[in-house]
């Protein structure tokens, strides 16, 4: 995937320009000082780049799912505007982001299906995906069991992938297992894209995504050990491939008997050294904090268009999560200092 010099410069310049319109410290301070959701929405409409996309949304009865859908749609449009400069690369990474969105939606729906709350999904129905996916989203929103769920996937890549995981009568859906299968398939697809690149582009993209997988695997081991008390082999089966941590170190991480021991084992690897230098409020945010820090560095210094494009996407995704966390925090009267600890923007 080779960019022309003009296209490369255009992508990098546009991505950095768009990044320059991000929410700043003063914006977050103002948002955290808002007393109501209406105040938050009014500020976003009046003082930020979100004014046009939020213009038709009511400050009074905004729903989290609707807001998230609108913001994700805008983010996808922005990425597509960047990818148009180079058709081959743009299509490949745009397709990866569509697959990522599909997996997130299917994971969310399966959790609702397993808990018997599928009626809530209609509020979260991602209309922006309809033009890009082969999943029948309308049928999905009406599904009441696993067979109907599979029927909604009839024309997509997921029907064959997920059919083997239909639960036995009276048994719960193994949502964690299915999520792991979908995300593993997604990363296989991603690294197939990366394998068709070369040189600096391949090196930086591999490092970018391998590092994130390493951080996600670390957090998974930590959670499964600390909160669910999984056995080492069961933990190992939940980890993603394509990371850079050596197999022997991963095995030792899974066999750790305490968080302290896990951190000590991880320190043998580059990901452990990265975590040791990282500032974070909760261990659960290590992966998202690591991706944010890495993307912020790459959007400034990388000269590889695809890397800059993806960095922009992940930075905007972090901002989207910040907005959702602020709105939910304000809605439920959470202390602003507590909300701030959930935000990643510095």
C-alpha atoms as a PDB file:
ATOM      1  CA  UNK A   1       0.000   0.000   0.000  1.00  0.00           C
ATOM      2  CA  UNK A   2       1.985   2.987  -1.258  1.00  0.00           C
ATOM      3  CA  UNK A   3       0.802   6.561  -0.917  1.00  0.00           C
ATOM      4  CA  UNK A   4       1.740   9.177  -3.464  1.00  0.00           C
ATOM      5  CA  UNK A   5       3.721  11.996  -1.874  1.00  0.00           C
ATOM      6  CA  UNK A   6       0.792  14.379  -2.357  1.00  0.00           C
ATOM      7  CA  UNK A   7      -1.716  11.997  -0.814  1.00  0.00           C
ATOM      8  CA  UNK A   8       0.614  11.266   2.096  1.00  0.00           C
ATOM      9  CA  UNK A   9       1.127  14.944   2.871  1.00  0.00           C
ATOM     10  CA  UNK A  10      -2.589  15.658   2.480  1.00  0.00           C
ATOM     11  CA  UNK A  11      -3.655  12.875   4.863  1.00  0.00           C
ATOM     12  CA  UNK A  12      -1.119  13.852   7.508  1.00  0.00           C
ATOM     13  CA  UNK A  13      -1.897  17.564   7.281  1.00  0.00           C
ATOM     14  CA  UNK A  14      -5.657  17.040   7.403  1.00  0.00           C
ATOM     15  CA  UNK A  15      -5.510  14.571  10.294  1.00  0.00           C
ATOM     16  CA  UNK A  16      -3.348  16.926  12.352  1.00  0.00           C
ATOM     17  CA  UNK A  17      -5.622  19.838  11.517  1.00  0.00           C
ATOM     18  CA  UNK A  18      -8.693  17.863  12.601  1.00  0.00           C
ATOM     19  CA  UNK A  19      -6.891  16.786  15.775  1.00  0.00           C
ATOM     20  CA  UNK A  20      -6.258  20.445  16.513  1.00  0.00           C
ATOM     21  CA  UNK A  21     -10.009  20.895  16.970  1.00  0.00           C
ATOM     22  CA  UNK A  22     -10.128  18.412  19.859  1.00  0.00           C
ATOM     23  CA  UNK A  23     -11.556  19.330  23.243  1.00  0.00           C
ATOM     24  CA  UNK A  24      -8.982  21.169  25.342  1.00  0.00           C
ATOM     25  CA  UNK A  25      -8.418  21.463  29.086  1.00  0.00           C
ATOM     26  CA  UNK A  26     -10.713  24.499  29.322  1.00  0.00           C
ATOM     27  CA  UNK A  27     -13.489  22.580  27.554  1.00  0.00           C
ATOM     28  CA  UNK A  28     -13.257  19.668  29.956  1.00  0.00           C
ATOM     29  CA  UNK A  29     -13.231  22.045  32.934  1.00  0.00           C
ATOM     30  CA  UNK A  30     -16.372  23.749  31.639  1.00  0.00           C
ATOM     31  CA  UNK A  31     -18.102  20.431  30.945  1.00  0.00           C
ATOM     32  CA  UNK A  32     -17.257  19.061  34.383  1.00  0.00           C
ATOM     33  CA  UNK A  33     -18.754  22.179  35.958  1.00  0.00           C
ATOM     34  CA  UNK A  34     -22.097  21.665  34.206  1.00  0.00           C
ATOM     35  CA  UNK A  35     -25.017  20.979  36.551  1.00  0.00           C
ATOM     36  CA  UNK A  36     -27.307  19.203  34.088  1.00  0.00           C
ATOM     37  CA  UNK A  37     -27.136  17.139  30.910  1.00  0.00           C
ATOM     38  CA  UNK A  38     -28.810  20.069  29.163  1.00  0.00           C
ATOM     39  CA  UNK A  39     -25.920  22.302  30.214  1.00  0.00           C
ATOM     40  CA  UNK A  40     -23.416  19.775  28.825  1.00  0.00           C
ATOM     41  CA  UNK A  41     -25.235  19.561  25.500  1.00  0.00           C
ATOM     42  CA  UNK A  42     -25.564  23.334  25.279  1.00  0.00           C
ATOM     43  CA  UNK A  43     -21.832  23.765  25.815  1.00  0.00           C
ATOM     44  CA  UNK A  44     -20.982  21.139  23.193  1.00  0.00           C
ATOM     45  CA  UNK A  45     -23.327  22.817  20.713  1.00  0.00           C
ATOM     46  CA  UNK A  46     -22.118  26.349  21.386  1.00  0.00           C
ATOM     47  CA  UNK A  47     -18.378  25.996  21.969  1.00  0.00           C
ATOM     48  CA  UNK A  48     -17.068  22.874  20.242  1.00  0.00           C
ATOM     49  CA  UNK A  49     -16.749  21.153  16.865  1.00  0.00           C
ATOM     50  CA  UNK A  50     -19.802  19.040  17.750  1.00  0.00           C
ATOM     51  CA  UNK A  51     -22.233  21.913  17.221  1.00  0.00           C
ATOM     52  CA  UNK A  52     -23.489  20.776  13.811  1.00  0.00           C
ATOM     53  CA  UNK A  53     -23.744  17.054  14.556  1.00  0.00           C
ATOM     54  CA  UNK A  54     -25.627  17.636  17.831  1.00  0.00           C
ATOM     55  CA  UNK A  55     -27.824  20.443  16.543  1.00  0.00           C
ATOM     56  CA  UNK A  56     -30.927  18.273  16.156  1.00  0.00           C
ATOM     57  CA  UNK A  57     -30.593  16.510  19.508  1.00  0.00           C
ATOM     58  CA  UNK A  58     -32.662  17.682  22.471  1.00  0.00           C
ATOM     59  CA  UNK A  59     -30.795  18.786  25.589  1.00  0.00           C
ATOM     60  CA  UNK A  60     -33.718  17.644  27.706  1.00  0.00           C
ATOM     61  CA  UNK A  61     -34.144  13.975  26.805  1.00  0.00           C
ATOM     62  CA  UNK A  62     -30.861  12.925  25.192  1.00  0.00           C
ATOM     63  CA  UNK A  63     -30.335   9.148  25.441  1.00  0.00           C
ATOM     64  CA  UNK A  64     -26.862   7.686  25.850  1.00  0.00           C
ATOM     65  CA  UNK A  65     -27.337   5.182  23.030  1.00  0.00           C
ATOM     66  CA  UNK A  66     -28.604   7.816  20.600  1.00  0.00           C
ATOM     67  CA  UNK A  67     -25.793  10.204  21.483  1.00  0.00           C
ATOM     68  CA  UNK A  68     -23.161   7.497  21.120  1.00  0.00           C
ATOM     69  CA  UNK A  69     -24.595   6.514  17.731  1.00  0.00           C
ATOM     70  CA  UNK A  70     -24.481  10.093  16.463  1.00  0.00           C
ATOM     71  CA  UNK A  71     -20.911  10.624  17.641  1.00  0.00           C
ATOM     72  CA  UNK A  72     -19.695   7.303  16.230  1.00  0.00           C
ATOM     73  CA  UNK A  73     -21.325   8.112  12.912  1.00  0.00           C
ATOM     74  CA  UNK A  74     -19.500  11.432  12.829  1.00  0.00           C
ATOM     75  CA  UNK A  75     -16.203   9.746  13.689  1.00  0.00           C
ATOM     76  CA  UNK A  76     -16.644   7.205  10.895  1.00  0.00           C
ATOM     77  CA  UNK A  77     -17.397  10.004   8.425  1.00  0.00           C
ATOM     78  CA  UNK A  78     -14.272  11.863   9.486  1.00  0.00           C
ATOM     79  CA  UNK A  79     -12.149   8.764   8.999  1.00  0.00           C
ATOM     80  CA  UNK A  80     -13.681   8.173   5.579  1.00  0.00           C
ATOM     81  CA  UNK A  81     -12.855  11.759   4.602  1.00  0.00           C
ATOM     82  CA  UNK A  82      -9.220  10.999   5.408  1.00  0.00           C
ATOM     83  CA  UNK A  83      -9.171   7.621   3.674  1.00  0.00           C
ATOM     84  CA  UNK A  84     -10.466   9.029   0.378  1.00  0.00           C
ATOM     85  CA  UNK A  85      -6.981  10.296  -0.395  1.00  0.00           C
ATOM     86  CA  UNK A  86      -5.796   6.741  -1.027  1.00  0.00           C
ATOM     87  CA  UNK A  87      -8.432   4.276  -2.148  1.00  0.00           C
ATOM     88  CA  UNK A  88      -6.660   0.964  -1.453  1.00  0.00           C
ATOM     89  CA  UNK A  89      -5.455   1.819   2.040  1.00  0.00           C
ATOM     90  CA  UNK A  90      -8.582   3.756   2.887  1.00  0.00           C
ATOM     91  CA  UNK A  91     -10.854   0.868   1.955  1.00  0.00           C
ATOM     92  CA  UNK A  92      -8.781  -1.661   3.891  1.00  0.00           C
ATOM     93  CA  UNK A  93      -8.709   0.257   7.145  1.00  0.00           C
ATOM     94  CA  UNK A  94     -12.255   1.553   6.790  1.00  0.00           C
ATOM     95  CA  UNK A  95     -13.370  -2.073   6.479  1.00  0.00           C
ATOM     96  CA  UNK A  96     -11.433  -2.947   9.621  1.00  0.00           C
ATOM     97  CA  UNK A  97     -13.254  -0.186  11.501  1.00  0.00           C
ATOM     98  CA  UNK A  98     -16.591  -1.479  10.225  1.00  0.00           C
ATOM     99  CA  UNK A  99     -15.697  -4.966  11.474  1.00  0.00           C
ATOM    100  CA  UNK A 100     -14.680  -3.427  14.809  1.00  0.00           C
ATOM    101  CA  UNK A 101     -18.044  -1.651  15.049  1.00  0.00           C
ATOM    102  CA  UNK A 102     -19.877  -4.867  14.129  1.00  0.00           C
ATOM    103  CA  UNK A 103     -18.070  -6.853  16.812  1.00  0.00           C
ATOM    104  CA  UNK A 104     -18.844  -4.198  19.422  1.00  0.00           C
ATOM    105  CA  UNK A 105     -22.516  -4.236  18.465  1.00  0.00           C
ATOM    106  CA  UNK A 106     -22.792  -8.016  18.457  1.00  0.00           C
ATOM    107  CA  UNK A 107     -21.059  -8.238  21.840  1.00  0.00           C
ATOM    108  CA  UNK A 108     -23.442  -5.655  23.258  1.00  0.00           C
ATOM    109  CA  UNK A 109     -26.487  -7.428  21.833  1.00  0.00           C
ATOM    110  CA  UNK A 110     -25.389 -10.843  23.119  1.00  0.00           C
ATOM    111  CA  UNK A 111     -25.075  -9.473  26.640  1.00  0.00           C
ATOM    112  CA  UNK A 112     -28.632  -8.140  26.383  1.00  0.00           C
ATOM    113  CA  UNK A 113     -29.858 -11.413  24.881  1.00  0.00           C
ATOM    114  CA  UNK A 114     -28.248 -13.481  27.628  1.00  0.00           C
ATOM    115  CA  UNK A 115     -29.833 -11.295  30.308  1.00  0.00           C
ATOM    116  CA  UNK A 116     -33.248 -11.195  28.608  1.00  0.00           C
ATOM    117  CA  UNK A 117     -33.153  -7.434  28.004  1.00  0.00           C
ATOM    118  CA  UNK A 118     -33.096  -7.239  24.211  1.00  0.00           C
ATOM    119  CA  UNK A 119     -35.866  -4.625  24.173  1.00  0.00           C
ATOM    120  CA  UNK A 120     -33.219  -2.104  25.252  1.00  0.00           C
ATOM    121  CA  UNK A 121     -31.270  -2.629  22.028  1.00  0.00           C
ATOM    122  CA  UNK A 122     -33.728  -0.581  19.966  1.00  0.00           C
ATOM    123  CA  UNK A 123     -32.404   2.528  21.743  1.00  0.00           C
ATOM    124  CA  UNK A 124     -28.842   1.639  20.747  1.00  0.00           C
ATOM    125  CA  UNK A 125     -29.547   0.521  17.176  1.00  0.00           C
ATOM    126  CA  UNK A 126     -26.571   1.862  15.166  1.00  0.00           C
ATOM    127  CA  UNK A 127     -28.309   3.254  12.081  1.00  0.00           C
ATOM    128  CA  UNK A 128     -24.977   4.576  10.783  1.00  0.00           C
ATOM    129  CA  UNK A 129     -23.869   0.963  10.202  1.00  0.00           C
ATOM    130  CA  UNK A 130     -26.780   0.030   7.955  1.00  0.00           C
ATOM    131  CA  UNK A 131     -25.078   1.266   4.787  1.00  0.00           C
ATOM    132  CA  UNK A 132     -21.854  -0.600   5.592  1.00  0.00           C
ATOM    133  CA  UNK A 133     -22.784  -3.952   7.115  1.00  0.00           C
ATOM    134  CA  UNK A 134     -24.316  -7.202   5.893  1.00  0.00           C
ATOM    135  CA  UNK A 135     -25.843  -7.816   9.314  1.00  0.00           C
ATOM    136  CA  UNK A 136     -29.609  -7.377   9.254  1.00  0.00           C
ATOM    137  CA  UNK A 137     -29.757  -4.839  12.076  1.00  0.00           C
ATOM    138  CA  UNK A 138     -33.562  -4.661  12.076  1.00  0.00           C
ATOM    139  CA  UNK A 139     -33.827  -8.435  12.460  1.00  0.00           C
ATOM    140  CA  UNK A 140     -31.107  -8.326  15.102  1.00  0.00           C
ATOM    141  CA  UNK A 141     -33.056  -5.799  17.159  1.00  0.00           C
ATOM    142  CA  UNK A 142     -36.051  -8.175  17.147  1.00  0.00           C
ATOM    143  CA  UNK A 143     -34.146 -11.380  17.938  1.00  0.00           C
ATOM    144  CA  UNK A 144     -35.301 -13.143  21.122  1.00  0.00           C
ATOM    145  CA  UNK A 145     -33.102 -16.253  21.023  1.00  0.00           C
ATOM    146  CA  UNK A 146     -29.826 -17.496  19.545  1.00  0.00           C
ATOM    147  CA  UNK A 147     -31.456 -18.950  16.428  1.00  0.00           C
ATOM    148  CA  UNK A 148     -33.035 -15.592  15.593  1.00  0.00           C
ATOM    149  CA  UNK A 149     -29.695 -13.949  16.363  1.00  0.00           C
ATOM    150  CA  UNK A 150     -27.988 -16.227  13.830  1.00  0.00           C
ATOM    151  CA  UNK A 151     -30.740 -15.568  11.281  1.00  0.00           C
ATOM    152  CA  UNK A 152     -29.922 -11.850  11.432  1.00  0.00           C
ATOM    153  CA  UNK A 153     -26.324 -12.775  10.555  1.00  0.00           C
ATOM    154  CA  UNK A 154     -27.321 -14.920   7.555  1.00  0.00           C
ATOM    155  CA  UNK A 155     -25.539 -12.829   4.911  1.00  0.00           C
ATOM    156  CA  UNK A 156     -22.565 -11.808   7.025  1.00  0.00           C
ATOM    157  CA  UNK A 157     -19.201 -13.307   7.936  1.00  0.00           C
ATOM    158  CA  UNK A 158     -20.482 -13.993  11.458  1.00  0.00           C
ATOM    159  CA  UNK A 159     -23.090 -16.694  10.715  1.00  0.00           C
ATOM    160  CA  UNK A 160     -20.479 -19.406  10.144  1.00  0.00           C
ATOM    161  CA  UNK A 161     -18.165 -18.014  12.808  1.00  0.00           C
ATOM    162  CA  UNK A 162     -20.738 -17.987  15.623  1.00  0.00           C
ATOM    163  CA  UNK A 163     -22.990 -20.945  14.773  1.00  0.00           C
ATOM    164  CA  UNK A 164     -20.849 -23.409  16.804  1.00  0.00           C
ATOM    165  CA  UNK A 165     -21.497 -21.419  19.986  1.00  0.00           C
ATOM    166  CA  UNK A 166     -25.254 -21.848  20.144  1.00  0.00           C
ATOM    167  CA  UNK A 167     -25.975 -22.728  23.784  1.00  0.00           C
ATOM    168  CA  UNK A 168     -27.559 -26.025  24.751  1.00  0.00           C
ATOM    169  CA  UNK A 169     -31.213 -25.832  25.872  1.00  0.00           C
ATOM    170  CA  UNK A 170     -31.443 -24.208  29.291  1.00  0.00           C
ATOM    171  CA  UNK A 171     -27.830 -23.017  29.234  1.00  0.00           C
ATOM    172  CA  UNK A 172     -26.580 -19.424  29.178  1.00  0.00           C
ATOM    173  CA  UNK A 173     -24.794 -17.950  26.185  1.00  0.00           C
ATOM    174  CA  UNK A 174     -21.024 -18.046  26.684  1.00  0.00           C
ATOM    175  CA  UNK A 175     -20.635 -14.346  25.903  1.00  0.00           C
ATOM    176  CA  UNK A 176     -16.935 -14.071  26.926  1.00  0.00           C
ATOM    177  CA  UNK A 177     -16.038 -17.027  24.686  1.00  0.00           C
ATOM    178  CA  UNK A 178     -17.956 -15.614  21.715  1.00  0.00           C
ATOM    179  CA  UNK A 179     -16.434 -12.162  22.239  1.00  0.00           C
ATOM    180  CA  UNK A 180     -12.984 -13.712  22.254  1.00  0.00           C
ATOM    181  CA  UNK A 181     -13.735 -15.556  19.003  1.00  0.00           C
ATOM    182  CA  UNK A 182     -14.990 -12.385  17.292  1.00  0.00           C
ATOM    183  CA  UNK A 183     -12.127 -10.188  18.459  1.00  0.00           C
ATOM    184  CA  UNK A 184      -9.557 -12.830  17.528  1.00  0.00           C
ATOM    185  CA  UNK A 185     -11.083 -13.019  14.045  1.00  0.00           C
ATOM    186  CA  UNK A 186     -11.039  -9.217  13.838  1.00  0.00           C
ATOM    187  CA  UNK A 187      -7.345  -9.034  14.728  1.00  0.00           C
ATOM    188  CA  UNK A 188      -6.534 -11.825  12.263  1.00  0.00           C
ATOM    189  CA  UNK A 189      -8.183  -9.676   9.584  1.00  0.00           C
ATOM    190  CA  UNK A 190      -6.272  -6.590  10.733  1.00  0.00           C
ATOM    191  CA  UNK A 191      -2.874  -8.270  10.670  1.00  0.00           C
ATOM    192  CA  UNK A 192      -3.657  -9.679   7.239  1.00  0.00           C
ATOM    193  CA  UNK A 193      -4.038  -6.051   6.117  1.00  0.00           C
ATOM    194  CA  UNK A 194      -0.761  -5.156   7.809  1.00  0.00           C
ATOM    195  CA  UNK A 195       1.002  -8.110   6.168  1.00  0.00           C
ATOM    196  CA  UNK A 196       0.262  -6.516   2.799  1.00  0.00           C
ATOM    197  CA  UNK A 197       2.166  -3.366   3.755  1.00  0.00           C
ATOM    198  CA  UNK A 198       5.931  -3.019   3.873  1.00  0.00           C
ATOM    199  CA  UNK A 199       8.851  -1.021   5.193  1.00  0.00           C
ATOM    200  CA  UNK A 200       8.249   1.730   7.737  1.00  0.00           C
ATOM    201  CA  UNK A 201       4.481   1.441   7.328  1.00  0.00           C
ATOM    202  CA  UNK A 202       4.470  -2.248   8.242  1.00  0.00           C
ATOM    203  CA  UNK A 203       6.856  -1.738  11.160  1.00  0.00           C
ATOM    204  CA  UNK A 204       4.879   1.103  12.727  1.00  0.00           C
ATOM    205  CA  UNK A 205       1.457  -0.487  12.198  1.00  0.00           C
ATOM    206  CA  UNK A 206       2.688  -3.778  13.683  1.00  0.00           C
ATOM    207  CA  UNK A 207       4.120  -2.008  16.716  1.00  0.00           C
ATOM    208  CA  UNK A 208       0.984   0.120  17.098  1.00  0.00           C
ATOM    209  CA  UNK A 209      -1.442  -2.784  17.239  1.00  0.00           C
ATOM    210  CA  UNK A 210       0.825  -5.357  18.886  1.00  0.00           C
ATOM    211  CA  UNK A 211       1.417  -2.956  21.760  1.00  0.00           C
ATOM    212  CA  UNK A 212      -2.314  -2.475  22.264  1.00  0.00           C
ATOM    213  CA  UNK A 213      -2.901  -6.233  22.216  1.00  0.00           C
ATOM    214  CA  UNK A 214      -0.116  -6.669  24.797  1.00  0.00           C
ATOM    215  CA  UNK A 215      -1.781  -4.109  27.083  1.00  0.00           C
ATOM    216  CA  UNK A 216      -5.220  -5.681  26.633  1.00  0.00           C
ATOM    217  CA  UNK A 217      -3.796  -9.111  27.421  1.00  0.00           C
ATOM    218  CA  UNK A 218      -2.171  -7.764  30.585  1.00  0.00           C
ATOM    219  CA  UNK A 219      -5.452  -6.254  31.781  1.00  0.00           C
ATOM    220  CA  UNK A 220      -7.296  -9.481  30.934  1.00  0.00           C
ATOM    221  CA  UNK A 221      -4.880 -11.556  32.996  1.00  0.00           C
ATOM    222  CA  UNK A 222      -5.179  -9.109  35.895  1.00  0.00           C
ATOM    223  CA  UNK A 223      -8.987  -9.143  35.875  1.00  0.00           C
ATOM    224  CA  UNK A 224      -9.391 -12.886  35.381  1.00  0.00           C
ATOM    225  CA  UNK A 225      -6.967 -13.625  38.203  1.00  0.00           C
ATOM    226  CA  UNK A 226      -8.133 -10.989  40.671  1.00  0.00           C
ATOM    227  CA  UNK A 227     -11.898 -10.962  40.200  1.00  0.00           C
ATOM    228  CA  UNK A 228     -12.810 -14.284  38.612  1.00  0.00           C
ATOM    229  CA  UNK A 229     -10.048 -16.545  39.987  1.00  0.00           C
ATOM    230  CA  UNK A 230      -9.535 -18.314  36.663  1.00  0.00           C
ATOM    231  CA  UNK A 231      -6.974 -21.110  36.444  1.00  0.00           C
ATOM    232  CA  UNK A 232      -3.810 -20.369  34.380  1.00  0.00           C
ATOM    233  CA  UNK A 233      -4.905 -22.458  31.380  1.00  0.00           C
ATOM    234  CA  UNK A 234      -8.350 -20.834  31.319  1.00  0.00           C
ATOM    235  CA  UNK A 235      -6.728 -17.395  31.376  1.00  0.00           C
ATOM    236  CA  UNK A 236      -4.329 -18.359  28.593  1.00  0.00           C
ATOM    237  CA  UNK A 237      -7.262 -19.318  26.366  1.00  0.00           C
ATOM    238  CA  UNK A 238      -8.728 -15.819  26.758  1.00  0.00           C
ATOM    239  CA  UNK A 239      -5.651 -13.982  25.444  1.00  0.00           C
ATOM    240  CA  UNK A 240      -5.297 -12.582  21.943  1.00  0.00           C
ATOM    241  CA  UNK A 241      -2.574 -13.532  19.498  1.00  0.00           C
ATOM    242  CA  UNK A 242      -0.491 -11.042  17.477  1.00  0.00           C
ATOM    243  CA  UNK A 243       1.044  -9.435  20.563  1.00  0.00           C
ATOM    244  CA  UNK A 244       4.788  -8.999  21.030  1.00  0.00           C
ATOM    245  CA  UNK A 245       5.182 -10.538  24.496  1.00  0.00           C
ATOM    246  CA  UNK A 246       7.052 -13.836  24.398  1.00  0.00           C
ATOM    247  CA  UNK A 247       4.988 -16.998  24.927  1.00  0.00           C
ATOM    248  CA  UNK A 248       7.035 -17.967  27.977  1.00  0.00           C
ATOM    249  CA  UNK A 249       6.361 -14.613  29.620  1.00  0.00           C
ATOM    250  CA  UNK A 250       2.635 -14.887  28.853  1.00  0.00           C
ATOM    251  CA  UNK A 251       2.608 -18.309  30.514  1.00  0.00           C
ATOM    252  CA  UNK A 252       4.319 -16.888  33.603  1.00  0.00           C
ATOM    253  CA  UNK A 253       1.830 -14.011  33.713  1.00  0.00           C
ATOM    254  CA  UNK A 254      -1.067 -16.457  33.658  1.00  0.00           C
ATOM    255  CA  UNK A 255       0.517 -18.481  36.466  1.00  0.00           C
ATOM    256  CA  UNK A 256       1.099 -15.468  38.735  1.00  0.00           C
ATOM    257  CA  UNK A 257      -0.587 -15.839  42.129  1.00  0.00           C
ATOM    258  CA  UNK A 258      -0.972 -12.134  42.932  1.00  0.00           C
ATOM    259  CA  UNK A 259      -1.173  -8.749  41.231  1.00  0.00           C
ATOM    260  CA  UNK A 260       2.271  -7.912  42.576  1.00  0.00           C
ATOM    261  CA  UNK A 261       3.731 -11.054  41.024  1.00  0.00           C
ATOM    262  CA  UNK A 262       1.935 -10.348  37.734  1.00  0.00           C
ATOM    263  CA  UNK A 263       3.417  -6.867  37.490  1.00  0.00           C
ATOM    264  CA  UNK A 264       6.851  -8.278  38.312  1.00  0.00           C
ATOM    265  CA  UNK A 265       6.605 -10.911  35.579  1.00  0.00           C
ATOM    266  CA  UNK A 266       5.333  -8.361  33.039  1.00  0.00           C
ATOM    267  CA  UNK A 267       8.313  -6.119  33.812  1.00  0.00           C
ATOM    268  CA  UNK A 268      10.452  -8.599  31.842  1.00  0.00           C
ATOM    269  CA  UNK A 269       8.753  -7.402  28.660  1.00  0.00           C
ATOM    270  CA  UNK A 270       8.510  -4.119  26.779  1.00  0.00           C
ATOM    271  CA  UNK A 271       4.845  -3.842  27.706  1.00  0.00           C
ATOM    272  CA  UNK A 272       5.702  -4.119  31.400  1.00  0.00           C
ATOM    273  CA  UNK A 273       8.258  -1.351  31.058  1.00  0.00           C
ATOM    274  CA  UNK A 274       5.649   0.760  29.266  1.00  0.00           C
ATOM    275  CA  UNK A 275       3.130   0.200  32.066  1.00  0.00           C
ATOM    276  CA  UNK A 276       5.731   1.104  34.702  1.00  0.00           C
ATOM    277  CA  UNK A 277       6.126   4.550  33.093  1.00  0.00           C
ATOM    278  CA  UNK A 278       2.393   5.113  32.668  1.00  0.00           C
ATOM    279  CA  UNK A 279       0.205   7.290  34.872  1.00  0.00           C
ATOM    280  CA  UNK A 280      -3.279   5.876  35.370  1.00  0.00           C
ATOM    281  CA  UNK A 281      -6.060   5.963  37.966  1.00  0.00           C
ATOM    282  CA  UNK A 282      -7.353   2.411  37.574  1.00  0.00           C
ATOM    283  CA  UNK A 283      -5.629  -0.724  36.325  1.00  0.00           C
ATOM    284  CA  UNK A 284      -8.588  -1.291  34.001  1.00  0.00           C
ATOM    285  CA  UNK A 285      -7.690   1.803  31.983  1.00  0.00           C
ATOM    286  CA  UNK A 286      -4.132   0.658  31.209  1.00  0.00           C
ATOM    287  CA  UNK A 287      -4.973  -0.479  27.662  1.00  0.00           C
ATOM    288  CA  UNK A 288      -6.964   2.638  26.735  1.00  0.00           C
ATOM    289  CA  UNK A 289      -4.413   4.940  28.393  1.00  0.00           C
ATOM    290  CA  UNK A 290      -1.584   3.198  26.569  1.00  0.00           C
ATOM    291  CA  UNK A 291      -3.369   3.512  23.219  1.00  0.00           C
ATOM    292  CA  UNK A 292      -4.076   7.189  23.871  1.00  0.00           C
ATOM    293  CA  UNK A 293      -0.466   7.977  24.793  1.00  0.00           C
ATOM    294  CA  UNK A 294       0.863   6.071  21.789  1.00  0.00           C
ATOM    295  CA  UNK A 295      -1.610   7.663  19.358  1.00  0.00           C
ATOM    296  CA  UNK A 296      -0.882  11.161  20.637  1.00  0.00           C
ATOM    297  CA  UNK A 297       2.819  10.608  20.001  1.00  0.00           C
ATOM    298  CA  UNK A 298       2.325   9.036  16.574  1.00  0.00           C
ATOM    299  CA  UNK A 299      -0.055  11.682  15.217  1.00  0.00           C
ATOM    300  CA  UNK A 300       2.596  14.288  15.963  1.00  0.00           C
ATOM    301  CA  UNK A 301       5.721  12.512  14.819  1.00  0.00           C
ATOM    302  CA  UNK A 302       4.877   9.683  12.404  1.00  0.00           C
ATOM    303  CA  UNK A 303       5.320  10.329   8.682  1.00  0.00           C
ATOM    304  CA  UNK A 304       3.288   7.239   7.718  1.00  0.00           C
ATOM    305  CA  UNK A 305      -0.228   8.258   6.565  1.00  0.00           C
ATOM    306  CA  UNK A 306      -1.992   5.071   7.694  1.00  0.00           C
ATOM    307  CA  UNK A 307      -0.443   5.355  11.137  1.00  0.00           C
ATOM    308  CA  UNK A 308      -1.496   9.000  11.429  1.00  0.00           C
ATOM    309  CA  UNK A 309      -5.022   8.119  10.224  1.00  0.00           C
ATOM    310  CA  UNK A 310      -5.431   5.359  12.772  1.00  0.00           C
ATOM    311  CA  UNK A 311      -3.922   7.502  15.524  1.00  0.00           C
ATOM    312  CA  UNK A 312      -6.485  10.192  14.790  1.00  0.00           C
ATOM    313  CA  UNK A 313      -9.295   7.643  14.936  1.00  0.00           C
ATOM    314  CA  UNK A 314      -8.207   6.291  18.324  1.00  0.00           C
ATOM    315  CA  UNK A 315      -7.746   9.774  19.791  1.00  0.00           C
ATOM    316  CA  UNK A 316     -11.225  10.765  18.648  1.00  0.00           C
ATOM    317  CA  UNK A 317     -12.615   7.525  20.036  1.00  0.00           C
ATOM    318  CA  UNK A 318     -11.109   8.416  23.424  1.00  0.00           C
ATOM    319  CA  UNK A 319     -12.745  11.842  23.235  1.00  0.00           C
ATOM    320  CA  UNK A 320     -16.097  10.234  22.421  1.00  0.00           C
ATOM    321  CA  UNK A 321     -15.816   8.053  25.540  1.00  0.00           C
ATOM    322  CA  UNK A 322     -14.962  11.146  27.581  1.00  0.00           C
ATOM    323  CA  UNK A 323     -18.119  12.921  26.415  1.00  0.00           C
ATOM    324  CA  UNK A 324     -20.287   9.896  27.217  1.00  0.00           C
ATOM    325  CA  UNK A 325     -18.702   9.557  30.672  1.00  0.00           C
ATOM    326  CA  UNK A 326     -19.280  13.244  31.419  1.00  0.00           C
ATOM    327  CA  UNK A 327     -22.916  13.132  30.340  1.00  0.00           C
ATOM    328  CA  UNK A 328     -23.604   9.962  32.326  1.00  0.00           C
ATOM    329  CA  UNK A 329     -21.763  11.353  35.346  1.00  0.00           C
ATOM    330  CA  UNK A 330     -23.684  14.618  35.281  1.00  0.00           C
ATOM    331  CA  UNK A 331     -26.979  12.770  34.751  1.00  0.00           C
ATOM    332  CA  UNK A 332     -26.443  10.710  37.904  1.00  0.00           C
ATOM    333  CA  UNK A 333     -24.941  13.553  39.961  1.00  0.00           C
ATOM    334  CA  UNK A 334     -21.485  11.994  40.268  1.00  0.00           C
ATOM    335  CA  UNK A 335     -18.846  14.206  41.871  1.00  0.00           C
ATOM    336  CA  UNK A 336     -16.889  16.069  39.123  1.00  0.00           C
ATOM    337  CA  UNK A 337     -13.570  14.895  40.588  1.00  0.00           C
ATOM    338  CA  UNK A 338     -14.716  11.290  40.248  1.00  0.00           C
ATOM    339  CA  UNK A 339     -15.836  11.849  36.642  1.00  0.00           C
ATOM    340  CA  UNK A 340     -12.497  13.473  35.836  1.00  0.00           C
ATOM    341  CA  UNK A 341     -10.648  10.331  36.882  1.00  0.00           C
ATOM    342  CA  UNK A 342     -12.530   8.438  34.153  1.00  0.00           C
ATOM    343  CA  UNK A 343     -11.387  10.828  31.411  1.00  0.00           C
ATOM    344  CA  UNK A 344      -8.344  10.360  29.210  1.00  0.00           C
ATOM    345  CA  UNK A 345      -7.183  13.555  27.553  1.00  0.00           C
ATOM    346  CA  UNK A 346      -3.767  14.489  28.952  1.00  0.00           C
END
